[in-house]
Amino acid sequence: MQQETTNILPNDFKVGIIGSGSWATAIAKMVMCNKTRLNWYVRNQKDIDLFSLTGSNPKYLTSVKFDSSKIFFSNDINEIVRQSDVLIFAIPSAFLKSAMQALTEDMSGKYVISAIKGLIPDENMIVGSWINKTLKVPIEHIGVISGPCHAEEVSLERLSYLTIACQNLQLAREYAQIINCSFIKTTISDDIYGTEFAAVLKNIMAIASGIFHGLGYGDNFQAVLISNAIQEMKRFVDTVHPISRDIKSSAYLGDLLVTCYSQFSRNRTFGAMLGKGYSVKAAQMEMLMVAEGYYAVKSIHEINQKYEVSMPITDCVYNIIYGKVSPIIECMLLTDQLR
């Protein structure tokens, strides 16, 4: 007789979302398929007022409709934390520290899911580790959402697959049920470090893909670039966190592919603008959303000074963005290293 599993999360647990961008909005859409109520931290009160009035995010994924009567909005992060058991963080990694400066509530008893695909700049830490160290959330309470999933396709309810990683697999299953719905299929993993680092690296690879596209390289070359990119990712994550993992699964290879090829990829778009001759500042000013890879490549470059993994694609992107080397010259040098 099979023993019944006891749930870890409390009965009728409350979910709060921290962030109000396109990815946060997409996650809210998933959550509302499973929960009757939602707490949502939105920084700007004017956005809250418009959201409550129209039933849609006034700035991102405006076509997604919500029943505002089922959402408790607040621009006070402490109020959202206080009223929630599970908190889903969906803020660009570069702004996470500043967003948490107003936080005074105790987080040590909370359950946290990171939907942030980036590193904490300057500290060069993956988000899960930073939440554990700074916010004192137990590492076994922290989950990570990864996998090939653009917010724009979630808004259209196009079938997508996500991986939820947590050191406690039972908690990973419960986290997965929060977002699992008719258009989102979920799998679980205990590789929180590998999935986070892979999510960071794929943004860097997507910038490279965009740069080459902007320079006029074709699909034949892109296939070679991405083949080398997944090998580079494997070398790095296996060195930083050496456990058994299948790099070909959707949390790693799948996320890399969609970020490098999709029309919705902001990192590829950013890279394409650099390849077409935009300066870094000009490309950033024209884009309405954050390209996480811009911050990530500096952090990974600094982290790799310790590990010395062979990372020619990452080095290429770093040299173009921070070394101000011409994309034409740097990309020509990289083509001689690819196989």
C-alpha atoms as a PDB file:
ATOM      1  CA  MET A   1       0.000   0.000   0.000  1.00  0.00           C
ATOM      2  CA  GLN A   2       1.422   3.382  -1.081  1.00  0.00           C
ATOM      3  CA  GLN A   3       2.018   5.820   1.765  1.00  0.00           C
ATOM      4  CA  GLU A   4       0.178   9.121   1.428  1.00  0.00           C
ATOM      5  CA  THR A   5       2.435  12.150   1.091  1.00  0.00           C
ATOM      6  CA  THR A   6       1.848  15.057   3.475  1.00  0.00           C
ATOM      7  CA  ASN A   7       1.898  18.479   1.890  1.00  0.00           C
ATOM      8  CA  ILE A   8       4.509  20.944   3.082  1.00  0.00           C
ATOM      9  CA  LEU A   9       2.641  24.152   2.259  1.00  0.00           C
ATOM     10  CA  PRO A  10      -0.162  25.137   4.664  1.00  0.00           C
ATOM     11  CA  ASN A  11      -3.767  24.527   3.685  1.00  0.00           C
ATOM     12  CA  ASP A  12      -5.245  27.359   1.594  1.00  0.00           C
ATOM     13  CA  PHE A  13      -1.835  29.036   1.339  1.00  0.00           C
ATOM     14  CA  LYS A  14      -1.759  32.559  -0.083  1.00  0.00           C
ATOM     15  CA  VAL A  15       0.426  33.531  -3.044  1.00  0.00           C
ATOM     16  CA  GLY A  16       2.068  36.903  -3.535  1.00  0.00           C
ATOM     17  CA  ILE A  17       3.881  38.179  -6.625  1.00  0.00           C
ATOM     18  CA  ILE A  18       6.742  40.656  -6.356  1.00  0.00           C
ATOM     19  CA  GLY A  19       7.129  42.550  -9.632  1.00  0.00           C
ATOM     20  CA  SER A  20       4.861  43.947 -12.329  1.00  0.00           C
ATOM     21  CA  GLY A  21       6.639  43.427 -15.655  1.00  0.00           C
ATOM     22  CA  SER A  22       5.675  41.119 -18.498  1.00  0.00           C
ATOM     23  CA  TRP A  23       7.017  37.946 -16.838  1.00  0.00           C
ATOM     24  CA  ALA A  24       5.325  38.786 -13.531  1.00  0.00           C
ATOM     25  CA  THR A  25       2.071  39.346 -15.427  1.00  0.00           C
ATOM     26  CA  ALA A  26       2.411  36.016 -17.239  1.00  0.00           C
ATOM     27  CA  ILE A  27       3.044  34.228 -13.946  1.00  0.00           C
ATOM     28  CA  ALA A  28       0.005  35.918 -12.399  1.00  0.00           C
ATOM     29  CA  LYS A  29      -2.058  34.544 -15.279  1.00  0.00           C
ATOM     30  CA  MET A  30      -0.797  31.020 -14.496  1.00  0.00           C
ATOM     31  CA  VAL A  31      -1.398  31.387 -10.767  1.00  0.00           C
ATOM     32  CA  MET A  32      -4.952  32.651 -11.235  1.00  0.00           C
ATOM     33  CA  CYS A  33      -5.778  29.422 -13.049  1.00  0.00           C
ATOM     34  CA  ASN A  34      -5.280  27.650  -9.703  1.00  0.00           C
ATOM     35  CA  LYS A  35      -5.904  30.187  -6.935  1.00  0.00           C
ATOM     36  CA  THR A  36      -9.017  32.228  -6.219  1.00  0.00           C
ATOM     37  CA  ARG A  37      -7.050  35.101  -4.679  1.00  0.00           C
ATOM     38  CA  LEU A  38      -3.711  36.746  -5.374  1.00  0.00           C
ATOM     39  CA  ASN A  39      -1.565  39.339  -3.607  1.00  0.00           C
ATOM     40  CA  TRP A  40       0.486  41.507  -5.963  1.00  0.00           C
ATOM     41  CA  TYR A  41       3.222  44.041  -5.251  1.00  0.00           C
ATOM     42  CA  VAL A  42       3.244  46.809  -7.870  1.00  0.00           C
ATOM     43  CA  ARG A  43       5.656  49.651  -7.145  1.00  0.00           C
ATOM     44  CA  ASN A  44       3.732  52.505  -8.781  1.00  0.00           C
ATOM     45  CA  GLN A  45       0.365  53.491  -7.265  1.00  0.00           C
ATOM     46  CA  LYS A  46      -0.821  54.997 -10.565  1.00  0.00           C
ATOM     47  CA  ASP A  47      -0.276  51.617 -12.235  1.00  0.00           C
ATOM     48  CA  ILE A  48      -2.307  49.968  -9.464  1.00  0.00           C
ATOM     49  CA  ASP A  49      -5.152  52.420  -9.986  1.00  0.00           C
ATOM     50  CA  LEU A  50      -5.212  51.767 -13.749  1.00  0.00           C
ATOM     51  CA  PHE A  51      -4.865  48.019 -13.246  1.00  0.00           C
ATOM     52  CA  SER A  52      -7.805  47.977 -10.821  1.00  0.00           C
ATOM     53  CA  LEU A  53      -9.919  50.049 -13.191  1.00  0.00           C
ATOM     54  CA  THR A  54      -9.212  48.197 -16.454  1.00  0.00           C
ATOM     55  CA  GLY A  55      -8.410  44.674 -15.249  1.00  0.00           C
ATOM     56  CA  SER A  56      -5.134  44.589 -17.172  1.00  0.00           C
ATOM     57  CA  ASN A  57      -1.533  45.643 -16.608  1.00  0.00           C
ATOM     58  CA  PRO A  58      -1.284  49.167 -18.064  1.00  0.00           C
ATOM     59  CA  LYS A  59       2.317  48.688 -19.237  1.00  0.00           C
ATOM     60  CA  TYR A  60       2.878  45.012 -20.074  1.00  0.00           C
ATOM     61  CA  LEU A  61       0.821  42.291 -21.770  1.00  0.00           C
ATOM     62  CA  THR A  62      -2.162  44.622 -21.818  1.00  0.00           C
ATOM     63  CA  SER A  63      -4.295  42.033 -23.627  1.00  0.00           C
ATOM     64  CA  VAL A  64      -4.272  39.731 -20.563  1.00  0.00           C
ATOM     65  CA  LYS A  65      -7.433  40.309 -18.543  1.00  0.00           C
ATOM     66  CA  PHE A  66      -7.768  39.751 -14.793  1.00  0.00           C
ATOM     67  CA  ASP A  67     -10.651  39.905 -12.371  1.00  0.00           C
ATOM     68  CA  SER A  68      -9.318  42.765 -10.261  1.00  0.00           C
ATOM     69  CA  SER A  69     -11.752  41.960  -7.447  1.00  0.00           C
ATOM     70  CA  LYS A  70      -9.724  38.782  -6.792  1.00  0.00           C
ATOM     71  CA  ILE A  71      -6.381  40.597  -6.561  1.00  0.00           C
ATOM     72  CA  PHE A  72      -5.062  42.547  -3.590  1.00  0.00           C
ATOM     73  CA  PHE A  73      -2.668  45.159  -4.964  1.00  0.00           C
ATOM     74  CA  SER A  74      -0.237  47.146  -2.854  1.00  0.00           C
ATOM     75  CA  ASN A  75       2.810  49.325  -3.415  1.00  0.00           C
ATOM     76  CA  ASP A  76       3.940  48.381   0.102  1.00  0.00           C
ATOM     77  CA  ILE A  77       6.129  45.305  -0.229  1.00  0.00           C
ATOM     78  CA  ASN A  78       5.808  44.571   3.491  1.00  0.00           C
ATOM     79  CA  GLU A  79       2.036  44.339   3.227  1.00  0.00           C
ATOM     80  CA  ILE A  80       2.275  41.787   0.405  1.00  0.00           C
ATOM     81  CA  VAL A  81       4.876  39.734   2.303  1.00  0.00           C
ATOM     82  CA  ARG A  82       2.793  39.870   5.470  1.00  0.00           C
ATOM     83  CA  GLN A  83      -0.308  38.529   3.737  1.00  0.00           C
ATOM     84  CA  SER A  84       1.395  35.799   1.675  1.00  0.00           C
ATOM     85  CA  ASP A  85       2.788  32.337   2.439  1.00  0.00           C
ATOM     86  CA  VAL A  86       4.409  31.768  -0.963  1.00  0.00           C
ATOM     87  CA  LEU A  87       6.160  34.679  -2.684  1.00  0.00           C
ATOM     88  CA  ILE A  88       7.089  34.595  -6.366  1.00  0.00           C
ATOM     89  CA  PHE A  89       9.878  37.017  -7.243  1.00  0.00           C
ATOM     90  CA  ALA A  90       9.732  38.336 -10.821  1.00  0.00           C
ATOM     91  CA  ILE A  91      11.894  41.466 -10.808  1.00  0.00           C
ATOM     92  CA  PRO A  92      14.926  41.984 -13.083  1.00  0.00           C
ATOM     93  CA  SER A  93      17.950  40.847 -11.102  1.00  0.00           C
ATOM     94  CA  ALA A  94      19.650  44.237 -11.457  1.00  0.00           C
ATOM     95  CA  PHE A  95      16.847  45.870  -9.466  1.00  0.00           C
ATOM     96  CA  LEU A  96      16.193  43.186  -6.847  1.00  0.00           C
ATOM     97  CA  LYS A  97      18.450  44.665  -4.163  1.00  0.00           C
ATOM     98  CA  SER A  98      16.933  48.141  -4.459  1.00  0.00           C
ATOM     99  CA  ALA A  99      13.408  46.692  -4.404  1.00  0.00           C
ATOM    100  CA  MET A 100      14.195  44.855  -1.167  1.00  0.00           C
ATOM    101  CA  GLN A 101      15.566  47.930   0.632  1.00  0.00           C
ATOM    102  CA  ALA A 102      12.092  48.751   1.963  1.00  0.00           C
ATOM    103  CA  LEU A 103      11.538  45.206   3.219  1.00  0.00           C
ATOM    104  CA  THR A 104      11.347  44.925   7.015  1.00  0.00           C
ATOM    105  CA  GLU A 105       9.122  41.840   7.354  1.00  0.00           C
ATOM    106  CA  ASP A 106      10.724  38.589   8.497  1.00  0.00           C
ATOM    107  CA  MET A 107      11.146  36.261   5.509  1.00  0.00           C
ATOM    108  CA  SER A 108      12.618  33.294   7.370  1.00  0.00           C
ATOM    109  CA  GLY A 109       9.301  31.425   7.541  1.00  0.00           C
ATOM    110  CA  LYS A 110       8.210  32.190   3.977  1.00  0.00           C
ATOM    111  CA  TYR A 111       8.338  29.990   0.882  1.00  0.00           C
ATOM    112  CA  VAL A 112       9.952  31.691  -2.108  1.00  0.00           C
ATOM    113  CA  ILE A 113       9.976  30.932  -5.821  1.00  0.00           C
ATOM    114  CA  SER A 114      12.466  32.826  -7.978  1.00  0.00           C
ATOM    115  CA  ALA A 115      11.346  33.509 -11.533  1.00  0.00           C
ATOM    116  CA  ILE A 116      14.375  35.752 -12.081  1.00  0.00           C
ATOM    117  CA  LYS A 117      16.827  34.685 -14.767  1.00  0.00           C
ATOM    118  CA  GLY A 118      19.879  36.683 -13.787  1.00  0.00           C
ATOM    119  CA  LEU A 119      22.635  37.295 -11.253  1.00  0.00           C
ATOM    120  CA  ILE A 120      22.852  39.938  -8.539  1.00  0.00           C
ATOM    121  CA  PRO A 121      25.292  42.476 -10.033  1.00  0.00           C
ATOM    122  CA  ASP A 122      28.402  43.393  -8.029  1.00  0.00           C
ATOM    123  CA  GLU A 123      27.856  40.426  -5.700  1.00  0.00           C
ATOM    124  CA  ASN A 124      27.916  37.906  -8.582  1.00  0.00           C
ATOM    125  CA  MET A 125      25.424  35.647  -6.817  1.00  0.00           C
ATOM    126  CA  ILE A 126      22.580  33.633  -8.262  1.00  0.00           C
ATOM    127  CA  VAL A 127      19.235  34.867  -6.983  1.00  0.00           C
ATOM    128  CA  GLY A 128      18.449  31.814  -4.866  1.00  0.00           C
ATOM    129  CA  SER A 129      21.721  32.127  -2.957  1.00  0.00           C
ATOM    130  CA  TRP A 130      21.175  35.863  -2.440  1.00  0.00           C
ATOM    131  CA  ILE A 131      17.652  35.290  -1.104  1.00  0.00           C
ATOM    132  CA  ASN A 132      19.000  32.633   1.255  1.00  0.00           C
ATOM    133  CA  LYS A 133      21.907  34.764   2.481  1.00  0.00           C
ATOM    134  CA  THR A 134      20.285  38.205   2.606  1.00  0.00           C
ATOM    135  CA  LEU A 135      16.608  37.536   3.280  1.00  0.00           C
ATOM    136  CA  LYS A 136      17.303  34.504   5.499  1.00  0.00           C
ATOM    137  CA  VAL A 137      14.920  32.219   3.617  1.00  0.00           C
ATOM    138  CA  PRO A 138      15.952  28.581   4.220  1.00  0.00           C
ATOM    139  CA  ILE A 139      17.546  27.136   1.083  1.00  0.00           C
ATOM    140  CA  GLU A 140      15.148  24.174   1.199  1.00  0.00           C
ATOM    141  CA  HIS A 141      12.215  26.650   0.945  1.00  0.00           C
ATOM    142  CA  ILE A 142      13.540  28.227  -2.261  1.00  0.00           C
ATOM    143  CA  GLY A 143      12.290  27.154  -5.680  1.00  0.00           C
ATOM    144  CA  VAL A 144      13.423  28.242  -9.127  1.00  0.00           C
ATOM    145  CA  ILE A 145      11.306  28.514 -12.279  1.00  0.00           C
ATOM    146  CA  SER A 146      13.251  27.750 -15.462  1.00  0.00           C
ATOM    147  CA  GLY A 147      12.629  26.538 -18.986  1.00  0.00           C
ATOM    148  CA  PRO A 148      11.714  27.867 -22.435  1.00  0.00           C
ATOM    149  CA  CYS A 149       8.805  30.190 -21.818  1.00  0.00           C
ATOM    150  CA  HIS A 150       8.252  33.712 -23.147  1.00  0.00           C
ATOM    151  CA  ALA A 151       5.658  35.853 -21.406  1.00  0.00           C
ATOM    152  CA  GLU A 152       4.130  36.846 -24.732  1.00  0.00           C
ATOM    153  CA  GLU A 153       3.266  33.246 -25.592  1.00  0.00           C
ATOM    154  CA  VAL A 154       1.845  32.643 -22.115  1.00  0.00           C
ATOM    155  CA  SER A 155      -0.465  35.605 -22.702  1.00  0.00           C
ATOM    156  CA  LEU A 156      -1.681  33.846 -25.862  1.00  0.00           C
ATOM    157  CA  GLU A 157      -2.057  30.555 -23.951  1.00  0.00           C
ATOM    158  CA  ARG A 158       0.335  28.756 -26.263  1.00  0.00           C
ATOM    159  CA  LEU A 159       1.509  25.473 -24.756  1.00  0.00           C
ATOM    160  CA  SER A 160       4.723  25.931 -22.758  1.00  0.00           C
ATOM    161  CA  TYR A 161       6.850  23.755 -20.472  1.00  0.00           C
ATOM    162  CA  LEU A 162       8.486  24.912 -17.254  1.00  0.00           C
ATOM    163  CA  THR A 163      10.826  23.225 -14.783  1.00  0.00           C
ATOM    164  CA  ILE A 164      10.523  23.946 -11.068  1.00  0.00           C
ATOM    165  CA  ALA A 165      13.716  23.198  -9.169  1.00  0.00           C
ATOM    166  CA  CYS A 166      13.956  22.860  -5.401  1.00  0.00           C
ATOM    167  CA  GLN A 167      16.204  20.818  -3.136  1.00  0.00           C
ATOM    168  CA  ASN A 168      13.047  19.349  -1.573  1.00  0.00           C
ATOM    169  CA  LEU A 169      11.305  17.499  -4.411  1.00  0.00           C
ATOM    170  CA  GLN A 170       7.986  17.320  -2.558  1.00  0.00           C
ATOM    171  CA  LEU A 171       7.985  21.107  -2.259  1.00  0.00           C
ATOM    172  CA  ALA A 172       8.959  21.328  -5.953  1.00  0.00           C
ATOM    173  CA  ARG A 173       5.799  19.318  -6.756  1.00  0.00           C
ATOM    174  CA  GLU A 174       3.667  21.687  -4.700  1.00  0.00           C
ATOM    175  CA  TYR A 175       5.264  24.734  -6.319  1.00  0.00           C
ATOM    176  CA  ALA A 176       4.617  23.196  -9.741  1.00  0.00           C
ATOM    177  CA  GLN A 177       0.907  22.878  -8.959  1.00  0.00           C
ATOM    178  CA  ILE A 178       0.701  26.630  -8.414  1.00  0.00           C
ATOM    179  CA  ILE A 179       1.470  27.338 -12.081  1.00  0.00           C
ATOM    180  CA  ASN A 180       0.459  24.095 -13.806  1.00  0.00           C
ATOM    181  CA  CYS A 181      -2.586  24.639 -16.042  1.00  0.00           C
ATOM    182  CA  SER A 182      -4.014  23.820 -19.476  1.00  0.00           C
ATOM    183  CA  PHE A 183      -1.286  25.770 -21.309  1.00  0.00           C
ATOM    184  CA  ILE A 184       1.593  25.208 -18.855  1.00  0.00           C
ATOM    185  CA  LYS A 185       3.092  21.759 -18.276  1.00  0.00           C
ATOM    186  CA  THR A 186       5.599  21.363 -15.462  1.00  0.00           C
ATOM    187  CA  THR A 187       8.437  19.055 -14.487  1.00  0.00           C
ATOM    188  CA  ILE A 188      10.509  19.104 -11.303  1.00  0.00           C
ATOM    189  CA  SER A 189      14.214  19.030 -10.526  1.00  0.00           C
ATOM    190  CA  ASP A 190      16.533  19.325  -7.529  1.00  0.00           C
ATOM    191  CA  ASP A 191      19.194  21.219  -9.534  1.00  0.00           C
ATOM    192  CA  ILE A 192      18.539  24.757  -8.309  1.00  0.00           C
ATOM    193  CA  TYR A 193      22.127  25.904  -8.934  1.00  0.00           C
ATOM    194  CA  GLY A 194      22.487  24.426 -12.414  1.00  0.00           C
ATOM    195  CA  THR A 195      19.116  25.670 -13.644  1.00  0.00           C
ATOM    196  CA  GLU A 196      19.806  29.170 -12.333  1.00  0.00           C
ATOM    197  CA  PHE A 197      23.246  29.398 -13.904  1.00  0.00           C
ATOM    198  CA  ALA A 198      21.931  27.961 -17.179  1.00  0.00           C
ATOM    199  CA  ALA A 199      19.179  30.603 -17.196  1.00  0.00           C
ATOM    200  CA  VAL A 200      21.847  33.278 -16.791  1.00  0.00           C
ATOM    201  CA  LEU A 201      24.139  31.873 -19.472  1.00  0.00           C
ATOM    202  CA  LYS A 202      21.437  31.441 -22.110  1.00  0.00           C
ATOM    203  CA  ASN A 203      20.840  35.210 -22.031  1.00  0.00           C
ATOM    204  CA  ILE A 204      24.506  35.814 -22.832  1.00  0.00           C
ATOM    205  CA  MET A 205      24.370  33.277 -25.654  1.00  0.00           C
ATOM    206  CA  ALA A 206      21.249  34.986 -27.014  1.00  0.00           C
ATOM    207  CA  ILE A 207      23.074  38.311 -27.147  1.00  0.00           C
ATOM    208  CA  ALA A 208      25.798  36.581 -29.160  1.00  0.00           C
ATOM    209  CA  SER A 209      23.168  35.098 -31.456  1.00  0.00           C
ATOM    210  CA  GLY A 210      21.657  38.539 -31.960  1.00  0.00           C
ATOM    211  CA  ILE A 211      24.999  40.182 -32.653  1.00  0.00           C
ATOM    212  CA  PHE A 212      25.808  37.664 -35.377  1.00  0.00           C
ATOM    213  CA  HIS A 213      22.310  38.069 -36.827  1.00  0.00           C
ATOM    214  CA  GLY A 214      22.769  41.831 -36.876  1.00  0.00           C
ATOM    215  CA  LEU A 215      26.064  41.379 -38.697  1.00  0.00           C
ATOM    216  CA  GLY A 216      24.343  39.327 -41.388  1.00  0.00           C
ATOM    217  CA  TYR A 217      25.370  35.771 -40.464  1.00  0.00           C
ATOM    218  CA  GLY A 218      22.799  33.192 -41.522  1.00  0.00           C
ATOM    219  CA  ASP A 219      20.989  30.159 -40.124  1.00  0.00           C
ATOM    220  CA  ASN A 220      23.820  27.773 -40.980  1.00  0.00           C
ATOM    221  CA  PHE A 221      26.181  29.687 -38.736  1.00  0.00           C
ATOM    222  CA  GLN A 222      23.567  30.113 -35.995  1.00  0.00           C
ATOM    223  CA  ALA A 223      23.248  26.327 -35.735  1.00  0.00           C
ATOM    224  CA  VAL A 224      26.996  26.047 -35.151  1.00  0.00           C
ATOM    225  CA  LEU A 225      26.943  28.902 -32.643  1.00  0.00           C
ATOM    226  CA  ILE A 226      24.154  27.331 -30.564  1.00  0.00           C
ATOM    227  CA  SER A 227      25.813  23.897 -30.715  1.00  0.00           C
ATOM    228  CA  ASN A 228      28.925  25.460 -29.218  1.00  0.00           C
ATOM    229  CA  ALA A 229      26.846  27.483 -26.750  1.00  0.00           C
ATOM    230  CA  ILE A 230      25.288  24.425 -25.100  1.00  0.00           C
ATOM    231  CA  GLN A 231      28.765  22.883 -24.733  1.00  0.00           C
ATOM    232  CA  GLU A 232      30.010  26.090 -23.130  1.00  0.00           C
ATOM    233  CA  MET A 233      27.056  26.105 -20.735  1.00  0.00           C
ATOM    234  CA  LYS A 234      27.709  22.490 -19.785  1.00  0.00           C
ATOM    235  CA  ARG A 235      31.394  23.141 -19.092  1.00  0.00           C
ATOM    236  CA  PHE A 236      30.539  26.031 -16.795  1.00  0.00           C
ATOM    237  CA  VAL A 237      27.622  24.558 -14.796  1.00  0.00           C
ATOM    238  CA  ASP A 238      29.411  21.222 -14.407  1.00  0.00           C
ATOM    239  CA  THR A 239      32.438  23.049 -13.007  1.00  0.00           C
ATOM    240  CA  VAL A 240      30.541  25.398 -10.692  1.00  0.00           C
ATOM    241  CA  HIS A 241      28.079  22.761  -9.440  1.00  0.00           C
ATOM    242  CA  PRO A 242      29.246  19.259 -10.421  1.00  0.00           C
ATOM    243  CA  ILE A 243      26.237  16.954 -10.180  1.00  0.00           C
ATOM    244  CA  SER A 244      24.607  14.580 -12.640  1.00  0.00           C
ATOM    245  CA  ARG A 245      22.294  16.527 -14.998  1.00  0.00           C
ATOM    246  CA  ASP A 246      20.962  16.126 -18.521  1.00  0.00           C
ATOM    247  CA  ILE A 247      22.019  19.314 -20.315  1.00  0.00           C
ATOM    248  CA  LYS A 248      19.745  18.327 -23.223  1.00  0.00           C
ATOM    249  CA  SER A 249      16.561  18.758 -21.160  1.00  0.00           C
ATOM    250  CA  SER A 250      14.250  21.727 -21.659  1.00  0.00           C
ATOM    251  CA  ALA A 251      15.456  23.590 -18.550  1.00  0.00           C
ATOM    252  CA  TYR A 252      18.886  23.929 -20.170  1.00  0.00           C
ATOM    253  CA  LEU A 253      18.923  23.302 -23.941  1.00  0.00           C
ATOM    254  CA  GLY A 254      15.266  24.221 -24.464  1.00  0.00           C
ATOM    255  CA  ASP A 255      15.628  27.571 -22.734  1.00  0.00           C
ATOM    256  CA  LEU A 256      18.804  28.271 -24.692  1.00  0.00           C
ATOM    257  CA  LEU A 257      17.127  27.552 -28.025  1.00  0.00           C
ATOM    258  CA  VAL A 258      14.053  29.701 -27.482  1.00  0.00           C
ATOM    259  CA  THR A 259      16.070  32.626 -26.156  1.00  0.00           C
ATOM    260  CA  CYS A 260      18.480  32.527 -29.088  1.00  0.00           C
ATOM    261  CA  TYR A 261      15.870  32.091 -31.818  1.00  0.00           C
ATOM    262  CA  SER A 262      12.603  33.671 -30.688  1.00  0.00           C
ATOM    263  CA  GLN A 263      11.257  36.985 -31.950  1.00  0.00           C
ATOM    264  CA  PHE A 264      10.246  37.708 -28.343  1.00  0.00           C
ATOM    265  CA  SER A 265      13.796  37.379 -26.975  1.00  0.00           C
ATOM    266  CA  ARG A 266      14.897  40.741 -25.614  1.00  0.00           C
ATOM    267  CA  ASN A 267      18.513  39.524 -25.300  1.00  0.00           C
ATOM    268  CA  ARG A 268      18.655  38.495 -28.954  1.00  0.00           C
ATOM    269  CA  THR A 269      17.052  41.823 -29.893  1.00  0.00           C
ATOM    270  CA  PHE A 270      19.633  43.707 -27.841  1.00  0.00           C
ATOM    271  CA  GLY A 271      22.442  41.766 -29.504  1.00  0.00           C
ATOM    272  CA  ALA A 272      21.029  42.342 -32.991  1.00  0.00           C
ATOM    273  CA  MET A 273      21.039  46.083 -32.358  1.00  0.00           C
ATOM    274  CA  LEU A 274      24.700  45.924 -31.333  1.00  0.00           C
ATOM    275  CA  GLY A 275      25.476  43.950 -34.481  1.00  0.00           C
ATOM    276  CA  LYS A 276      23.741  46.597 -36.590  1.00  0.00           C
ATOM    277  CA  GLY A 277      25.912  49.322 -35.143  1.00  0.00           C
ATOM    278  CA  TYR A 278      23.982  50.640 -32.148  1.00  0.00           C
ATOM    279  CA  SER A 279      26.024  51.614 -29.128  1.00  0.00           C
ATOM    280  CA  VAL A 280      25.215  49.804 -25.897  1.00  0.00           C
ATOM    281  CA  LYS A 281      23.526  52.909 -24.466  1.00  0.00           C
ATOM    282  CA  ALA A 282      21.512  53.557 -27.620  1.00  0.00           C
ATOM    283  CA  ALA A 283      20.287  49.952 -27.715  1.00  0.00           C
ATOM    284  CA  GLN A 284      19.291  50.100 -24.048  1.00  0.00           C
ATOM    285  CA  MET A 285      17.424  53.383 -24.527  1.00  0.00           C
ATOM    286  CA  GLU A 286      15.420  52.043 -27.464  1.00  0.00           C
ATOM    287  CA  MET A 287      14.381  48.840 -25.705  1.00  0.00           C
ATOM    288  CA  LEU A 288      11.435  49.033 -23.320  1.00  0.00           C
ATOM    289  CA  MET A 289      12.488  45.958 -21.327  1.00  0.00           C
ATOM    290  CA  VAL A 290      15.675  44.860 -19.572  1.00  0.00           C
ATOM    291  CA  ALA A 291      18.113  42.555 -21.372  1.00  0.00           C
ATOM    292  CA  GLU A 292      19.397  40.504 -18.422  1.00  0.00           C
ATOM    293  CA  GLY A 293      22.416  39.307 -20.391  1.00  0.00           C
ATOM    294  CA  TYR A 294      23.932  42.801 -20.309  1.00  0.00           C
ATOM    295  CA  TYR A 295      24.449  42.512 -16.552  1.00  0.00           C
ATOM    296  CA  ALA A 296      25.024  38.756 -16.562  1.00  0.00           C
ATOM    297  CA  VAL A 297      28.016  38.701 -18.892  1.00  0.00           C
ATOM    298  CA  LYS A 298      30.038  40.959 -16.588  1.00  0.00           C
ATOM    299  CA  SER A 299      29.208  38.800 -13.564  1.00  0.00           C
ATOM    300  CA  ILE A 300      29.967  35.506 -15.330  1.00  0.00           C
ATOM    301  CA  HIS A 301      33.232  36.930 -16.666  1.00  0.00           C
ATOM    302  CA  GLU A 302      34.265  37.853 -13.113  1.00  0.00           C
ATOM    303  CA  ILE A 303      33.124  34.521 -11.640  1.00  0.00           C
ATOM    304  CA  ASN A 304      35.051  32.635 -14.306  1.00  0.00           C
ATOM    305  CA  GLN A 305      38.301  34.307 -13.298  1.00  0.00           C
ATOM    306  CA  LYS A 306      38.218  31.807 -10.422  1.00  0.00           C
ATOM    307  CA  TYR A 307      37.201  28.712 -12.428  1.00  0.00           C
ATOM    308  CA  GLU A 308      38.985  29.447 -15.747  1.00  0.00           C
ATOM    309  CA  VAL A 309      36.463  27.508 -17.854  1.00  0.00           C
ATOM    310  CA  SER A 310      36.904  27.867 -21.606  1.00  0.00           C
ATOM    311  CA  MET A 311      34.074  30.280 -22.557  1.00  0.00           C
ATOM    312  CA  PRO A 312      34.856  31.858 -25.946  1.00  0.00           C
ATOM    313  CA  ILE A 313      31.253  32.963 -26.655  1.00  0.00           C
ATOM    314  CA  THR A 314      30.894  34.633 -23.263  1.00  0.00           C
ATOM    315  CA  ASP A 315      34.288  36.294 -23.720  1.00  0.00           C
ATOM    316  CA  CYS A 316      33.205  37.583 -27.134  1.00  0.00           C
ATOM    317  CA  VAL A 317      30.060  39.212 -25.738  1.00  0.00           C
ATOM    318  CA  TYR A 318      31.951  40.649 -22.766  1.00  0.00           C
ATOM    319  CA  ASN A 319      34.627  42.157 -25.009  1.00  0.00           C
ATOM    320  CA  ILE A 320      32.011  43.804 -27.238  1.00  0.00           C
ATOM    321  CA  ILE A 321      29.860  45.217 -24.412  1.00  0.00           C
ATOM    322  CA  TYR A 322      32.451  46.102 -21.782  1.00  0.00           C
ATOM    323  CA  GLY A 323      35.721  46.063 -23.708  1.00  0.00           C
ATOM    324  CA  LYS A 324      34.157  48.172 -26.484  1.00  0.00           C
ATOM    325  CA  VAL A 325      35.764  45.959 -29.143  1.00  0.00           C
ATOM    326  CA  SER A 326      34.169  46.195 -32.599  1.00  0.00           C
ATOM    327  CA  PRO A 327      31.525  43.450 -33.065  1.00  0.00           C
ATOM    328  CA  ILE A 328      32.894  42.762 -36.545  1.00  0.00           C
ATOM    329  CA  ILE A 329      36.421  42.129 -35.272  1.00  0.00           C
ATOM    330  CA  GLU A 330      35.413  40.193 -32.154  1.00  0.00           C
ATOM    331  CA  CYS A 331      32.958  37.955 -34.018  1.00  0.00           C
ATOM    332  CA  MET A 332      35.503  37.165 -36.724  1.00  0.00           C
ATOM    333  CA  LEU A 333      37.907  36.036 -34.001  1.00  0.00           C
ATOM    334  CA  LEU A 334      35.210  33.847 -32.464  1.00  0.00           C
ATOM    335  CA  THR A 335      34.378  32.109 -35.754  1.00  0.00           C
ATOM    336  CA  ASP A 336      37.915  30.681 -35.804  1.00  0.00           C
ATOM    337  CA  GLN A 337      37.291  29.011 -32.408  1.00  0.00           C
ATOM    338  CA  LEU A 338      33.968  27.335 -33.179  1.00  0.00           C
ATOM    339  CA  ARG A 339      33.646  23.786 -34.442  1.00  0.00           C
END
